[in-house]
PDB file of N, CA and C in Angstrom:
ATOM      1  N   MET A   1       0.746  -1.177  -0.012  1.00  0.00           N
ATOM      2  CA  MET A   1       0.067  -0.143   0.080  1.00  0.00           C
ATOM      3  C   MET A   1       1.333   1.223  -0.058  1.00  0.00           C
ATOM      4  N   LYS A   2       0.675   2.384  -0.853  1.00  0.00           N
ATOM      5  CA  LYS A   2       1.431   3.267  -1.140  1.00  0.00           C
ATOM      6  C   LYS A   2       1.449   4.333   0.056  1.00  0.00           C
ATOM      7  N   VAL A   3       0.234   4.442   0.788  1.00  0.00           N
ATOM      8  CA  VAL A   3       0.171   5.415   1.793  1.00  0.00           C
ATOM      9  C   VAL A   3       0.952   4.922   2.916  1.00  0.00           C
ATOM     10  N   ALA A   4       1.035   3.731   3.093  1.00  0.00           N
ATOM     11  CA  ALA A   4       2.024   3.242   4.373  1.00  0.00           C
ATOM     12  C   ALA A   4       3.414   3.374   3.929  1.00  0.00           C
ATOM     13  N   ARG A   5       3.805   3.486   2.683  1.00  0.00           N
ATOM     14  CA  ARG A   5       5.179   3.751   2.311  1.00  0.00           C
ATOM     15  C   ARG A   5       5.520   5.327   2.613  1.00  0.00           C
ATOM     16  N   ILE A   6       4.626   6.137   2.439  1.00  0.00           N
ATOM     17  CA  ILE A   6       4.848   7.665   2.588  1.00  0.00           C
ATOM     18  C   ILE A   6       4.555   8.241   4.025  1.00  0.00           C
ATOM     19  N   LEU A   7       3.840   7.416   4.739  1.00  0.00           N
ATOM     20  CA  LEU A   7       3.291   7.961   6.070  1.00  0.00           C
ATOM     21  C   LEU A   7       4.549   8.158   7.009  1.00  0.00           C
ATOM     22  N   PRO A   8       5.678   7.526   7.227  1.00  0.00           N
ATOM     23  CA  PRO A   8       6.736   7.665   7.984  1.00  0.00           C
ATOM     24  C   PRO A   8       7.378   9.095   7.756  1.00  0.00           C
ATOM     25  N   SER A   9       7.687   9.341   6.537  1.00  0.00           N
ATOM     26  CA  SER A   9       8.180  10.435   6.045  1.00  0.00           C
ATOM     27  C   SER A   9       7.383  11.689   6.287  1.00  0.00           C
ATOM     28  N   ILE A  10       6.074  11.734   6.190  1.00  0.00           N
ATOM     29  CA  ILE A  10       5.087  12.826   6.397  1.00  0.00           C
ATOM     30  C   ILE A  10       5.209  12.901   7.947  1.00  0.00           C
ATOM     31  N   LEU A  11       4.907  12.210   8.794  1.00  0.00           N
ATOM     32  CA  LEU A  11       5.068  12.347  10.287  1.00  0.00           C
ATOM     33  C   LEU A  11       6.425  12.932  10.641  1.00  0.00           C
ATOM     34  N   ALA A  12       7.590  12.500  10.205  1.00  0.00           N
ATOM     35  CA  ALA A  12       8.818  12.806  10.555  1.00  0.00           C
ATOM     36  C   ALA A  12       9.053  14.383  10.091  1.00  0.00           C
ATOM     37  N   ALA A  13       8.422  14.806   8.914  1.00  0.00           N
ATOM     38  CA  ALA A  13       8.526  16.088   8.213  1.00  0.00           C
ATOM     39  C   ALA A  13       7.642  17.079   9.303  1.00  0.00           C
ATOM     40  N   VAL A  14       6.496  16.587   9.676  1.00  0.00           N
ATOM     41  CA  VAL A  14       5.627  17.500  10.318  1.00  0.00           C
ATOM     42  C   VAL A  14       6.205  17.758  11.808  1.00  0.00           C
ATOM     43  N   ILE A  15       6.602  16.548  12.387  1.00  0.00           N
ATOM     44  CA  ILE A  15       7.200  16.762  13.810  1.00  0.00           C
ATOM     45  C   ILE A  15       8.628  17.746  13.649  1.00  0.00           C
ATOM     46  N   LEU A  16       9.438  17.763  12.540  1.00  0.00           N
ATOM     47  CA  LEU A  16      10.654  18.235  12.622  1.00  0.00           C
ATOM     48  C   LEU A  16      10.357  19.659  12.244  1.00  0.00           C
ATOM     49  N   LEU A  17       9.383  20.100  11.483  1.00  0.00           N
ATOM     50  CA  LEU A  17       9.019  21.278  10.969  1.00  0.00           C
ATOM     51  C   LEU A  17       8.343  22.195  12.154  1.00  0.00           C
ATOM     52  N   TYR A  18       7.493  21.367  13.080  1.00  0.00           N
ATOM     53  CA  TYR A  18       6.843  21.947  14.187  1.00  0.00           C
ATOM     54  C   TYR A  18       7.759  22.334  15.079  1.00  0.00           C
ATOM     55  N   GLY A  19       8.848  21.729  15.214  1.00  0.00           N
ATOM     56  CA  GLY A  19       9.948  21.732  16.360  1.00  0.00           C
ATOM     57  C   GLY A  19      10.805  23.155  15.955  1.00  0.00           C
ATOM     58  N   PHE A  20      10.988  23.012  14.482  1.00  0.00           N
ATOM     59  CA  PHE A  20      11.760  24.268  13.986  1.00  0.00           C
ATOM     60  C   PHE A  20      10.990  25.624  14.029  1.00  0.00           C
ATOM     61  N   PHE A  21       9.742  25.575  13.702  1.00  0.00           N
ATOM     62  CA  PHE A  21       9.039  26.798  13.747  1.00  0.00           C
ATOM     63  C   PHE A  21       8.600  27.284  15.093  1.00  0.00           C
ATOM     64  N   ASP A  22       8.476  26.410  16.058  1.00  0.00           N
ATOM     65  CA  ASP A  22       8.195  26.726  17.365  1.00  0.00           C
ATOM     66  C   ASP A  22       9.300  27.260  18.030  1.00  0.00           C
ATOM     67  N   SER A  23      10.670  26.755  17.765  1.00  0.00           N
ATOM     68  CA  SER A  23      11.816  27.386  18.344  1.00  0.00           C
ATOM     69  C   SER A  23      12.179  28.731  17.590  1.00  0.00           C
ATOM     70  N   ALA A  24      11.873  28.950  16.241  1.00  0.00           N
ATOM     71  CA  ALA A  24      12.228  30.119  15.557  1.00  0.00           C
ATOM     72  C   ALA A  24      11.068  31.263  16.197  1.00  0.00           C
ATOM     73  N   PHE A  25       9.720  30.695  16.329  1.00  0.00           N
ATOM     74  CA  PHE A  25       8.979  31.838  16.872  1.00  0.00           C
ATOM     75  C   PHE A  25       9.411  32.343  18.100  1.00  0.00           C
ATOM     76  N   ASN A  26       9.802  31.243  19.171  1.00  0.00           N
ATOM     77  CA  ASN A  26      10.158  31.639  20.456  1.00  0.00           C
ATOM     78  C   ASN A  26      11.524  32.507  20.516  1.00  0.00           C
ATOM     79  N   ALA A  27      12.288  32.291  19.418  1.00  0.00           N
ATOM     80  CA  ALA A  27      13.676  33.087  19.471  1.00  0.00           C
ATOM     81  C   ALA A  27      13.180  34.360  18.867  1.00  0.00           C
ATOM     82  N   HIS A  28      12.351  34.502  18.201  1.00  0.00           N
ATOM     83  CA  HIS A  28      11.774  35.934  17.747  1.00  0.00           C
ATOM     84  C   HIS A  28      11.077  36.634  18.943  1.00  0.00           C
ATOM     85  N   ALA A  29      10.289  36.028  19.543  1.00  0.00           N
ATOM     86  CA  ALA A  29       9.336  36.456  20.788  1.00  0.00           C
ATOM     87  C   ALA A  29      10.591  37.048  21.740  1.00  0.00           C
ATOM     88  N   THR A  30      11.703  36.398  21.878  1.00  0.00           N
ATOM     89  CA  THR A  30      12.578  36.939  23.032  1.00  0.00           C
ATOM     90  C   THR A  30      13.341  38.183  22.451  1.00  0.00           C
ATOM     91  N   HIS A  31      13.254  38.435  21.245  1.00  0.00           N
ATOM     92  CA  HIS A  31      13.819  39.876  20.840  1.00  0.00           C
ATOM     93  C   HIS A  31      13.020  40.847  21.467  1.00  0.00           C
ATOM     94  N   TYR A  32      11.761  40.698  21.746  1.00  0.00           N
ATOM     95  CA  TYR A  32      10.808  41.703  22.165  1.00  0.00           C
ATOM     96  C   TYR A  32      10.558  41.583  23.794  1.00  0.00           C
ATOM     97  N   VAL A  33      10.597  40.410  24.138  1.00  0.00           N
ATOM     98  CA  VAL A  33      10.638  40.207  25.621  1.00  0.00           C
ATOM     99  C   VAL A  33      11.925  39.495  26.161  1.00  0.00           C
ATOM    100  N   ARG A  34      12.586  40.084  26.468  1.00  0.00           N
ATOM    101  CA  ARG A  34      13.992  39.623  27.097  1.00  0.00           C
ATOM    102  C   ARG A  34      13.939  39.175  28.472  1.00  0.00           C
ATOM    103  N   HIS A  35      12.910  39.543  29.399  1.00  0.00           N
ATOM    104  CA  HIS A  35      13.094  39.165  30.721  1.00  0.00           C
ATOM    105  C   HIS A  35      12.427  37.579  30.857  1.00  0.00           C
ATOM    106  N   ARG A  36      11.897  36.978  29.660  1.00  0.00           N
ATOM    107  CA  ARG A  36      11.351  35.806  29.860  1.00  0.00           C
ATOM    108  C   ARG A  36      12.592  34.613  29.282  1.00  0.00           C
ATOM    109  N   ALA A  37      13.490  34.277  30.279  1.00  0.00           N
ATOM    110  CA  ALA A  37      14.384  33.365  29.827  1.00  0.00           C
ATOM    111  C   ALA A  37      13.860  32.064  29.301  1.00  0.00           C
ATOM    112  N   ASP A  38      12.691  31.603  29.982  1.00  0.00           N
ATOM    113  CA  ASP A  38      12.317  30.278  29.595  1.00  0.00           C
ATOM    114  C   ASP A  38      11.627  30.239  28.255  1.00  0.00           C
ATOM    115  N   SER A  39      11.344  31.378  27.416  1.00  0.00           N
ATOM    116  CA  SER A  39      10.623  31.205  26.282  1.00  0.00           C
ATOM    117  C   SER A  39      11.542  30.674  25.074  1.00  0.00           C
ATOM    118  N   VAL A  40      12.562  30.562  24.977  1.00  0.00           N
ATOM    119  CA  VAL A  40      13.543  29.841  24.033  1.00  0.00           C
ATOM    120  C   VAL A  40      13.551  28.487  24.293  1.00  0.00           C
ATOM    121  N   GLY A  41      13.303  27.545  23.140  1.00  0.00           N
ATOM    122  CA  GLY A  41      13.246  26.355  23.471  1.00  0.00           C
ATOM    123  C   GLY A  41      12.059  25.821  24.352  1.00  0.00           C
ATOM    124  N   SER A  42      10.784  26.056  24.168  1.00  0.00           N
ATOM    125  CA  SER A  42       9.860  25.949  25.077  1.00  0.00           C
ATOM    126  C   SER A  42       9.327  24.488  24.976  1.00  0.00           C
ATOM    127  N   LEU A  43       9.719  23.732  24.057  1.00  0.00           N
ATOM    128  CA  LEU A  43       9.392  22.193  24.013  1.00  0.00           C
ATOM    129  C   LEU A  43      10.215  21.266  25.016  1.00  0.00           C
ATOM    130  N   PRO A  44       9.508  20.352  25.471  1.00  0.00           N
ATOM    131  CA  PRO A  44      10.318  19.605  26.382  1.00  0.00           C
ATOM    132  C   PRO A  44      11.465  18.687  25.779  1.00  0.00           C
ATOM    133  N   TYR A  45      12.325  18.412  26.662  1.00  0.00           N
ATOM    134  CA  TYR A  45      13.417  17.582  26.150  1.00  0.00           C
ATOM    135  C   TYR A  45      12.730  16.035  25.599  1.00  0.00           C
ATOM    136  N   GLY A  46      11.802  15.556  26.137  1.00  0.00           N
ATOM    137  CA  GLY A  46      10.889  14.274  25.383  1.00  0.00           C
ATOM    138  C   GLY A  46      10.455  14.478  24.202  1.00  0.00           C
ATOM    139  N   TYR A  47      10.103  15.726  23.752  1.00  0.00           N
ATOM    140  CA  TYR A  47       9.640  15.947  22.496  1.00  0.00           C
ATOM    141  C   TYR A  47      10.835  15.722  21.643  1.00  0.00           C
ATOM    142  N   PHE A  48      12.146  16.079  21.990  1.00  0.00           N
ATOM    143  CA  PHE A  48      13.278  15.974  21.134  1.00  0.00           C
ATOM    144  C   PHE A  48      13.837  14.560  20.965  1.00  0.00           C
ATOM    145  N   GLN A  49      13.523  13.580  22.261  1.00  0.00           N
ATOM    146  CA  GLN A  49      13.838  12.144  22.071  1.00  0.00           C
ATOM    147  C   GLN A  49      13.007  11.434  21.229  1.00  0.00           C
ATOM    148  N   PHE A  50      11.840  11.939  21.193  1.00  0.00           N
ATOM    149  CA  PHE A  50      10.699  11.283  20.242  1.00  0.00           C
ATOM    150  C   PHE A  50      10.982  11.714  18.871  1.00  0.00           C
ATOM    151  N   LEU A  51      11.545  12.964  18.851  1.00  0.00           N
ATOM    152  CA  LEU A  51      11.877  13.452  17.454  1.00  0.00           C
ATOM    153  C   LEU A  51      13.051  12.602  16.769  1.00  0.00           C
ATOM    154  N   ARG A  52      13.890  12.350  17.663  1.00  0.00           N
ATOM    155  CA  ARG A  52      15.063  11.443  17.278  1.00  0.00           C
ATOM    156  C   ARG A  52      14.689  10.006  16.809  1.00  0.00           C
ATOM    157  N   LEU A  53      13.756   9.623  17.601  1.00  0.00           N
ATOM    158  CA  LEU A  53      13.492   8.105  17.271  1.00  0.00           C
ATOM    159  C   LEU A  53      12.627   7.924  16.018  1.00  0.00           C
ATOM    160  N   LEU A  54      11.644   9.055  15.922  1.00  0.00           N
ATOM    161  CA  LEU A  54      10.523   9.072  14.759  1.00  0.00           C
ATOM    162  C   LEU A  54      11.672   9.316  13.273  1.00  0.00           C
ATOM    163  N   ALA A  55      12.498  10.223  13.424  1.00  0.00           N
ATOM    164  CA  ALA A  55      13.311  10.707  12.321  1.00  0.00           C
ATOM    165  C   ALA A  55      14.263   9.527  11.833  1.00  0.00           C
ATOM    166  N   CYS A  56      15.068   9.015  12.944  1.00  0.00           N
ATOM    167  CA  CYS A  56      15.945   7.817  12.681  1.00  0.00           C
ATOM    168  C   CYS A  56      15.089   6.685  11.952  1.00  0.00           C
ATOM    169  N   GLY A  57      13.821   6.334  12.641  1.00  0.00           N
ATOM    170  CA  GLY A  57      13.128   5.170  12.015  1.00  0.00           C
ATOM    171  C   GLY A  57      12.571   5.599  10.671  1.00  0.00           C
ATOM    172  N   ALA A  58      12.095   6.822  10.511  1.00  0.00           N
ATOM    173  CA  ALA A  58      11.564   7.218   9.032  1.00  0.00           C
ATOM    174  C   ALA A  58      12.693   7.196   8.045  1.00  0.00           C
ATOM    175  N   ALA A  59      13.922   7.535   8.339  1.00  0.00           N
ATOM    176  CA  ALA A  59      14.966   7.739   7.511  1.00  0.00           C
ATOM    177  C   ALA A  59      15.492   6.081   7.266  1.00  0.00           C
ATOM    178  N   SER A  60      15.576   5.440   8.327  1.00  0.00           N
ATOM    179  CA  SER A  60      15.857   4.045   8.078  1.00  0.00           C
ATOM    180  C   SER A  60      14.925   3.267   7.034  1.00  0.00           C
ATOM    181  N   PHE A  61      13.537   3.517   7.358  1.00  0.00           N
ATOM    182  CA  PHE A  61      12.752   2.946   6.280  1.00  0.00           C
ATOM    183  C   PHE A  61      12.809   3.479   4.881  1.00  0.00           C
ATOM    184  N   GLY A  62      13.091   4.820   4.957  1.00  0.00           N
ATOM    185  CA  GLY A  62      13.306   5.579   3.609  1.00  0.00           C
ATOM    186  C   GLY A  62      14.412   4.863   2.956  1.00  0.00           C
ATOM    187  N   ALA A  63      15.626   4.593   3.625  1.00  0.00           N
ATOM    188  CA  ALA A  63      16.734   4.279   3.006  1.00  0.00           C
ATOM    189  C   ALA A  63      16.535   2.792   2.486  1.00  0.00           C
ATOM    190  N   TYR A  64      15.851   2.005   3.207  1.00  0.00           N
ATOM    191  CA  TYR A  64      15.346   0.532   2.796  1.00  0.00           C
ATOM    192  C   TYR A  64      14.578   0.581   1.636  1.00  0.00           C
ATOM    193  N   THR A  65      13.492   1.406   1.526  1.00  0.00           N
ATOM    194  CA  THR A  65      12.516   1.564   0.366  1.00  0.00           C
ATOM    195  C   THR A  65      13.229   1.991  -0.798  1.00  0.00           C
ATOM    196  N   LEU A  66      14.183   3.067  -0.617  1.00  0.00           N
ATOM    197  CA  LEU A  66      14.782   3.927  -1.765  1.00  0.00           C
ATOM    198  C   LEU A  66      16.055   3.264  -1.989  1.00  0.00           C
ATOM    199  N   ARG A  67      16.521   2.152  -1.782  1.00  0.00           N
ATOM    200  CA  ARG A  67      17.848   1.637  -1.832  1.00  0.00           C
ATOM    201  C   ARG A  67      18.408   1.595  -3.425  1.00  0.00           C
ATOM    202  N   GLN A  68      17.483   1.389  -4.162  1.00  0.00           N
ATOM    203  CA  GLN A  68      17.793   1.509  -5.601  1.00  0.00           C
ATOM    204  C   GLN A  68      18.172   2.898  -6.244  1.00  0.00           C
ATOM    205  N   ARG A  69      17.698   3.832  -5.504  1.00  0.00           N
ATOM    206  CA  ARG A  69      18.215   5.360  -5.842  1.00  0.00           C
ATOM    207  C   ARG A  69      19.086   5.825  -4.937  1.00  0.00           C
ATOM    208  N   GLN A  70      20.542   5.764  -5.417  1.00  0.00           N
ATOM    209  CA  GLN A  70      21.573   6.263  -4.697  1.00  0.00           C
ATOM    210  C   GLN A  70      21.585   7.383  -4.031  1.00  0.00           C
ATOM    211  N   GLY A  71      21.106   8.343  -4.629  1.00  0.00           N
ATOM    212  CA  GLY A  71      21.216   9.952  -3.969  1.00  0.00           C
ATOM    213  C   GLY A  71      20.115   9.958  -2.785  1.00  0.00           C
ATOM    214  N   TRP A  72      18.992   9.107  -2.845  1.00  0.00           N
ATOM    215  CA  TRP A  72      18.006   8.995  -1.609  1.00  0.00           C
ATOM    216  C   TRP A  72      18.461   8.113  -0.733  1.00  0.00           C
ATOM    217  N   LEU A  73      19.157   7.191  -1.089  1.00  0.00           N
ATOM    218  CA  LEU A  73      19.675   6.255   0.003  1.00  0.00           C
ATOM    219  C   LEU A  73      20.754   6.952   0.971  1.00  0.00           C
ATOM    220  N   TRP A  74      21.465   7.567   0.321  1.00  0.00           N
ATOM    221  CA  TRP A  74      22.660   8.125   1.127  1.00  0.00           C
ATOM    222  C   TRP A  74      22.068   9.331   2.053  1.00  0.00           C
ATOM    223  N   THR A  75      21.103  10.143   1.272  1.00  0.00           N
ATOM    224  CA  THR A  75      20.487  11.013   1.986  1.00  0.00           C
ATOM    225  C   THR A  75      19.753  10.577   3.410  1.00  0.00           C
ATOM    226  N   MET A  76      19.133   9.640   3.274  1.00  0.00           N
ATOM    227  CA  MET A  76      18.301   9.032   4.106  1.00  0.00           C
ATOM    228  C   MET A  76      19.216   8.245   5.196  1.00  0.00           C
ATOM    229  N   VAL A  77      20.275   7.498   4.931  1.00  0.00           N
ATOM    230  CA  VAL A  77      21.360   7.216   5.750  1.00  0.00           C
ATOM    231  C   VAL A  77      22.004   8.288   6.653  1.00  0.00           C
ATOM    232  N   ILE A  78      22.360   9.422   5.983  1.00  0.00           N
ATOM    233  CA  ILE A  78      22.858  10.443   6.695  1.00  0.00           C
ATOM    234  C   ILE A  78      21.917  11.050   7.727  1.00  0.00           C
ATOM    235  N   ILE A  79      20.770  11.090   7.365  1.00  0.00           N
ATOM    236  CA  ILE A  79      19.645  11.676   8.411  1.00  0.00           C
ATOM    237  C   ILE A  79      19.397  10.587   9.523  1.00  0.00           C
ATOM    238  N   ALA A  80      19.670   9.346   9.223  1.00  0.00           N
ATOM    239  CA  ALA A  80      19.349   8.295  10.209  1.00  0.00           C
ATOM    240  C   ALA A  80      20.586   8.322  11.147  1.00  0.00           C
ATOM    241  N   VAL A  81      21.772   8.488  10.615  1.00  0.00           N
ATOM    242  CA  VAL A  81      22.753   8.602  11.694  1.00  0.00           C
ATOM    243  C   VAL A  81      22.882   9.954  12.553  1.00  0.00           C
ATOM    244  N   LEU A  82      22.508  10.985  11.878  1.00  0.00           N
ATOM    245  CA  LEU A  82      22.407  12.125  12.563  1.00  0.00           C
ATOM    246  C   LEU A  82      21.378  12.332  13.792  1.00  0.00           C
ATOM    247  N   PHE A  83      20.216  11.626  13.487  1.00  0.00           N
ATOM    248  CA  PHE A  83      19.121  11.486  14.460  1.00  0.00           C
ATOM    249  C   PHE A  83      19.256  10.291  15.228  1.00  0.00           C
ATOM    250  N   ASN A  84      20.155   9.478  15.209  1.00  0.00           N
ATOM    251  CA  ASN A  84      20.339   8.179  15.923  1.00  0.00           C
ATOM    252  C   ASN A  84      19.988   8.394  17.378  1.00  0.00           C
ATOM    253  N   PRO A  85      19.130   7.686  18.079  1.00  0.00           N
ATOM    254  CA  PRO A  85      18.929   7.912  19.422  1.00  0.00           C
ATOM    255  C   PRO A  85      19.688   7.236  20.470  1.00  0.00           C
ATOM    256  N   ILE A  86      20.233   6.290  19.662  1.00  0.00           N
ATOM    257  CA  ILE A  86      21.252   5.408  20.710  1.00  0.00           C
ATOM    258  C   ILE A  86      22.575   5.970  20.879  1.00  0.00           C
ATOM    259  N   ALA A  87      23.305   6.458  20.032  1.00  0.00           N
ATOM    260  CA  ALA A  87      24.400   7.266  20.179  1.00  0.00           C
ATOM    261  C   ALA A  87      24.213   8.823  19.379  1.00  0.00           C
ATOM    262  N   PRO A  88      23.453   9.496  20.137  1.00  0.00           N
ATOM    263  CA  PRO A  88      23.110  10.886  19.749  1.00  0.00           C
ATOM    264  C   PRO A  88      24.267  11.829  19.514  1.00  0.00           C
ATOM    265  N   VAL A  89      23.944  12.702  18.374  1.00  0.00           N
ATOM    266  CA  VAL A  89      24.951  13.696  18.181  1.00  0.00           C
ATOM    267  C   VAL A  89      24.488  14.946  18.859  1.00  0.00           C
ATOM    268  N   ARG A  90      25.548  15.544  19.595  1.00  0.00           N
ATOM    269  CA  ARG A  90      24.993  16.688  20.533  1.00  0.00           C
ATOM    270  C   ARG A  90      25.618  17.841  19.789  1.00  0.00           C
ATOM    271  N   LEU A  91      24.402  18.671  19.604  1.00  0.00           N
ATOM    272  CA  LEU A  91      24.739  20.075  19.039  1.00  0.00           C
ATOM    273  C   LEU A  91      23.821  21.146  19.646  1.00  0.00           C
ATOM    274  N   SER A  92      24.303  22.343  19.369  1.00  0.00           N
ATOM    275  CA  SER A  92      23.577  23.394  20.309  1.00  0.00           C
ATOM    276  C   SER A  92      22.074  23.603  19.372  1.00  0.00           C
ATOM    277  N   ARG A  93      21.091  24.153  20.137  1.00  0.00           N
ATOM    278  CA  ARG A  93      19.785  24.607  19.543  1.00  0.00           C
ATOM    279  C   ARG A  93      19.932  25.404  18.260  1.00  0.00           C
ATOM    280  N   ASP A  94      20.831  26.208  18.125  1.00  0.00           N
ATOM    281  CA  ASP A  94      21.044  27.115  16.995  1.00  0.00           C
ATOM    282  C   ASP A  94      21.570  26.446  15.718  1.00  0.00           C
ATOM    283  N   THR A  95      22.445  25.227  16.067  1.00  0.00           N
ATOM    284  CA  THR A  95      22.849  24.398  14.974  1.00  0.00           C
ATOM    285  C   THR A  95      21.757  23.564  14.630  1.00  0.00           C
ATOM    286  N   TRP A  96      20.782  22.921  15.549  1.00  0.00           N
ATOM    287  CA  TRP A  96      19.794  22.048  15.227  1.00  0.00           C
ATOM    288  C   TRP A  96      18.605  22.760  14.478  1.00  0.00           C
ATOM    289  N   GLN A  97      18.353  23.964  14.613  1.00  0.00           N
ATOM    290  CA  GLN A  97      17.402  24.458  13.689  1.00  0.00           C
ATOM    291  C   GLN A  97      17.481  24.438  12.284  1.00  0.00           C
ATOM    292  N   PRO A  98      18.510  24.869  11.614  1.00  0.00           N
ATOM    293  CA  PRO A  98      18.562  24.770  10.138  1.00  0.00           C
ATOM    294  C   PRO A  98      18.620  22.976   9.779  1.00  0.00           C
ATOM    295  N   ILE A  99      19.229  22.409  10.619  1.00  0.00           N
ATOM    296  CA  ILE A  99      19.433  20.847  10.348  1.00  0.00           C
ATOM    297  C   ILE A  99      17.843  20.272  10.312  1.00  0.00           C
ATOM    298  N   ASP A 100      17.036  20.670  11.345  1.00  0.00           N
ATOM    299  CA  ASP A 100      15.575  20.352  11.441  1.00  0.00           C
ATOM    300  C   ASP A 100      14.837  20.792  10.165  1.00  0.00           C
ATOM    301  N   LEU A 101      14.930  22.078   9.777  1.00  0.00           N
ATOM    302  CA  LEU A 101      14.453  22.618   8.543  1.00  0.00           C
ATOM    303  C   LEU A 101      14.786  21.732   7.321  1.00  0.00           C
ATOM    304  N   ALA A 102      16.279  21.567   7.035  1.00  0.00           N
ATOM    305  CA  ALA A 102      16.440  20.757   5.985  1.00  0.00           C
ATOM    306  C   ALA A 102      15.997  19.537   5.792  1.00  0.00           C
ATOM    307  N   THR A 103      15.931  18.914   6.984  1.00  0.00           N
ATOM    308  CA  THR A 103      15.577  17.437   7.171  1.00  0.00           C
ATOM    309  C   THR A 103      14.246  17.265   6.771  1.00  0.00           C
ATOM    310  N   GLY A 104      13.251  18.136   7.494  1.00  0.00           N
ATOM    311  CA  GLY A 104      11.728  18.346   7.327  1.00  0.00           C
ATOM    312  C   GLY A 104      11.484  18.511   5.799  1.00  0.00           C
ATOM    313  N   ILE A 105      12.416  19.317   5.215  1.00  0.00           N
ATOM    314  CA  ILE A 105      12.182  19.508   3.542  1.00  0.00           C
ATOM    315  C   ILE A 105      12.571  18.184   2.795  1.00  0.00           C
ATOM    316  N   ALA A 106      13.651  17.489   3.294  1.00  0.00           N
ATOM    317  CA  ALA A 106      14.041  16.368   2.693  1.00  0.00           C
ATOM    318  C   ALA A 106      13.020  15.200   2.761  1.00  0.00           C
ATOM    319  N   PHE A 107      12.512  15.128   3.915  1.00  0.00           N
ATOM    320  CA  PHE A 107      11.397  14.208   4.130  1.00  0.00           C
ATOM    321  C   PHE A 107      10.143  14.462   3.267  1.00  0.00           C
ATOM    322  N   LEU A 108       9.743  15.743   3.066  1.00  0.00           N
ATOM    323  CA  LEU A 108       8.696  16.126   2.476  1.00  0.00           C
ATOM    324  C   LEU A 108       8.984  15.841   0.746  1.00  0.00           C
ATOM    325  N   ALA A 109      10.177  16.084   0.395  1.00  0.00           N
ATOM    326  CA  ALA A 109      10.734  15.769  -0.989  1.00  0.00           C
ATOM    327  C   ALA A 109      10.795  14.463  -1.330  1.00  0.00           C
ATOM    328  N   SER A 110      10.997  13.501  -0.173  1.00  0.00           N
ATOM    329  CA  SER A 110      11.119  12.081  -0.380  1.00  0.00           C
ATOM    330  C   SER A 110       9.797  11.440  -0.638  1.00  0.00           C
ATOM    331  N   VAL A 111       8.774  12.142  -0.223  1.00  0.00           N
ATOM    332  CA  VAL A 111       7.377  11.550  -0.452  1.00  0.00           C
ATOM    333  C   VAL A 111       7.163  11.069  -1.785  1.00  0.00           C
ATOM    334  N   ARG A 112       7.454  12.055  -2.677  1.00  0.00           N
ATOM    335  CA  ARG A 112       7.147  11.905  -4.224  1.00  0.00           C
ATOM    336  C   ARG A 112       8.184  10.386  -4.703  1.00  0.00           C
ATOM    337  N   ALA A 113       9.292  10.337  -4.148  1.00  0.00           N
ATOM    338  CA  ALA A 113      10.059   9.309  -4.611  1.00  0.00           C
ATOM    339  C   ALA A 113       9.554   8.042  -3.867  1.00  0.00           C
ATOM    340  N   LEU A 114       9.275   8.015  -2.646  1.00  0.00           N
ATOM    341  CA  LEU A 114       8.569   6.878  -2.013  1.00  0.00           C
ATOM    342  C   LEU A 114       7.365   6.266  -2.563  1.00  0.00           C
ATOM    343  N   TRP A 115       6.585   7.171  -3.153  1.00  0.00           N
ATOM    344  CA  TRP A 115       5.176   6.983  -3.863  1.00  0.00           C
ATOM    345  C   TRP A 115       5.315   6.543  -5.074  1.00  0.00           C
ATOM    346  N   ARG A 116       6.375   6.765  -5.839  1.00  0.00           N
ATOM    347  CA  ARG A 116       6.860   6.177  -7.078  1.00  0.00           C
ATOM    348  C   ARG A 116       7.685   4.915  -6.943  1.00  0.00           C
ATOM    349  N   SER A 117       8.055   4.512  -5.751  1.00  0.00           N
ATOM    350  CA  SER A 117       9.171   3.533  -5.786  1.00  0.00           C
ATOM    351  C   SER A 117       8.134   2.026  -5.858  1.00  0.00           C
ATOM    352  N   PRO A 118       8.907   1.076  -6.556  1.00  0.00           N
ATOM    353  CA  PRO A 118       8.171  -0.003  -6.688  1.00  0.00           C
ATOM    354  C   PRO A 118       8.212  -0.952  -5.276  1.00  0.00           C
ATOM    355  N   LYS A 119       7.279  -1.662  -5.343  1.00  0.00           N
ATOM    356  CA  LYS A 119       7.191  -2.584  -3.981  1.00  0.00           C
ATOM    357  C   LYS A 119       8.331  -3.262  -3.458  1.00  0.00           C
TER     358      LYS A 119
END
């Protein structure tokens, strides 16, 4: 079923982009309200643990499904390694923001390739 093939990528893209836009909005809000130190990064740590698990799983599934297409295969392998929940890559929030945005866009772009991939 084709919907089952694209669902992990869509879920991962939504979660990644939500985290990106929430962080970007809060960073912009602190420009005007400097006394609220807790407004930057308002999402709990558990959200990011779930994000790692979902992104790694979706990228692993995408790499397996798109193994015939070398460009997508290596893109998904890099995403899976970057979001690996077992041996996490430690980066600052400012570094993760563009990575989350790029990864969310990559997952959305992979939906077309996943939809067209053979069984």
